[in-house]
Amino acid sequence: MTKKTRTKNAPHWGDATKLVRGGLDRSHYGETAEALYLNSGFVYDAPETAENRFANKDDGYVYGRYGNPTVTMFEERLALLEGAEACYGVASGMAAVYGALACQLKAGDHIVASKALFGSCYQIITNILPRFGITSTLVDGNDMAAWAKAMTPATKAVFLETPSNPTLEIIDIAAVGKIAKDAGACFVVDNIFATPVLQKPLEMGADVIVYSGTKHMDGQGRVLGGAIVSTKAFKEELLKPFLRHTGPSLSPFNAWVLLKGMETLKLRVEAQSESAHAVAEHLSAIKGVSRVIYPHLDSHPQYALAKKQMSKGGTMVTFEVTGGKKKAFDVLRNLRLVDISNNLGDAKSLMTHPASTTHRNIGEEARAMMGITDGMLRLSVGLEDVKDILDDVTQAIAS
């Protein structure tokens, strides 16, 4: 039998190498692909071993809800890519958002967040957390004076997503990070749209990063998964006690799929971003399109900041058509190649109408506050030939 081999993570590796080799832990069989451990429990060679593991004196595994070797490989790979001390894999992106916030907040605490939020993030901050006595203030993400003014002695957490979903608002991570640090608050950044390939929030002052692995990390629409990237102290002292007992565990199979997806993450995201940029430029010249939002278009209101924070503009393009909801639905109905779907980050190009899907439940007033109109469409650009994407979107709008 082959001796067990474990890749020694090297911080100096390039991102592509980290995405392929990070966290690799081979069994004694010497398999090339990461091993898939589909078991819920573990056995011990003696009762003392079990006692020591439950007392955290032995770092071995005890139960699937507490940890799994395949999940650990995923966590270590993402932590290495981010240059972070620790990572905790969870069942979904929303489990990551809720876990990162709820693990550190209690009744009487206050959270400050940007107004531009994904629908479920908005619900967590404005509806779910308040049930437990946690108050919130939403601010214009690009108004640093508003961020500073919103901070109180009770502010324990600051949350934002950049680029935001679906309006692709770009927020100055370093500036907000300084405000959060001065207030003694934990700064949590949702980096799902940019991915760790295009943006590194930890380098700009973030304390915690949340991800939906369902999106670009999988990249092929197969499984759900999420992750929370943080310091070792945050993971051990706050996340573990909360997540182990509440149970949003990441399936070993899903972790394995995410590991395999991460091997091509950089290639896919960079190629999709190139295509998205071309699509955004093309849409800007089409009759019937009143507005195109893309971070690396010079028409974007935070273009300079986007160029500074993100190496590319990302895989998402948001645009508005004249004629409101009826015209937007007509565009979706006339698509021949691009699929109608609220998912994103997939190898296949996907389009959705945020006002009636992802942001429907937040209400008309909240959508107006975020700048989400009835004529707005969000396009997740895939890996198809860019000409085919352009032809399909063009004919759908013309029709």
Foldseek 3Di string as FASTA:
>chain_A
DAQKDWDDQDLPDDLLCLLQRFLATGDRVPDPAHDQDQDFADDDPDVVVQVCVVVVNDVDDGGQLQDDSLLRSLFRSVCSLLVFATKAKFAFLLCQLLLLPVLFDAAPAEEEEELQAWQSNCCCQPPVVVVRNYYYHYDHQAPLVRLLVPQDLRYAEYEYEALGPPQRDHHQLLSSLVSCVVSNHAYEYEDAQQPSLWFRSVVSRHAKYKYWLCAQLLQANDHTMIMMTHHPCCCVPGNSVVSSVVRRGHRSVNSSSSSVSSSCSNVWWVLLLVLQVVLQVLLVPAPQWPDKAWQCDPVHPCNVSSVVGTVGRGQKIKTFGPPFQVLQVQLQVQFDQEHDDPGANHQGKYKYQCCVPRNVVVDDVSCVVNVRTRRMMMIGGHNDDSVVVNVRSRVSNVD
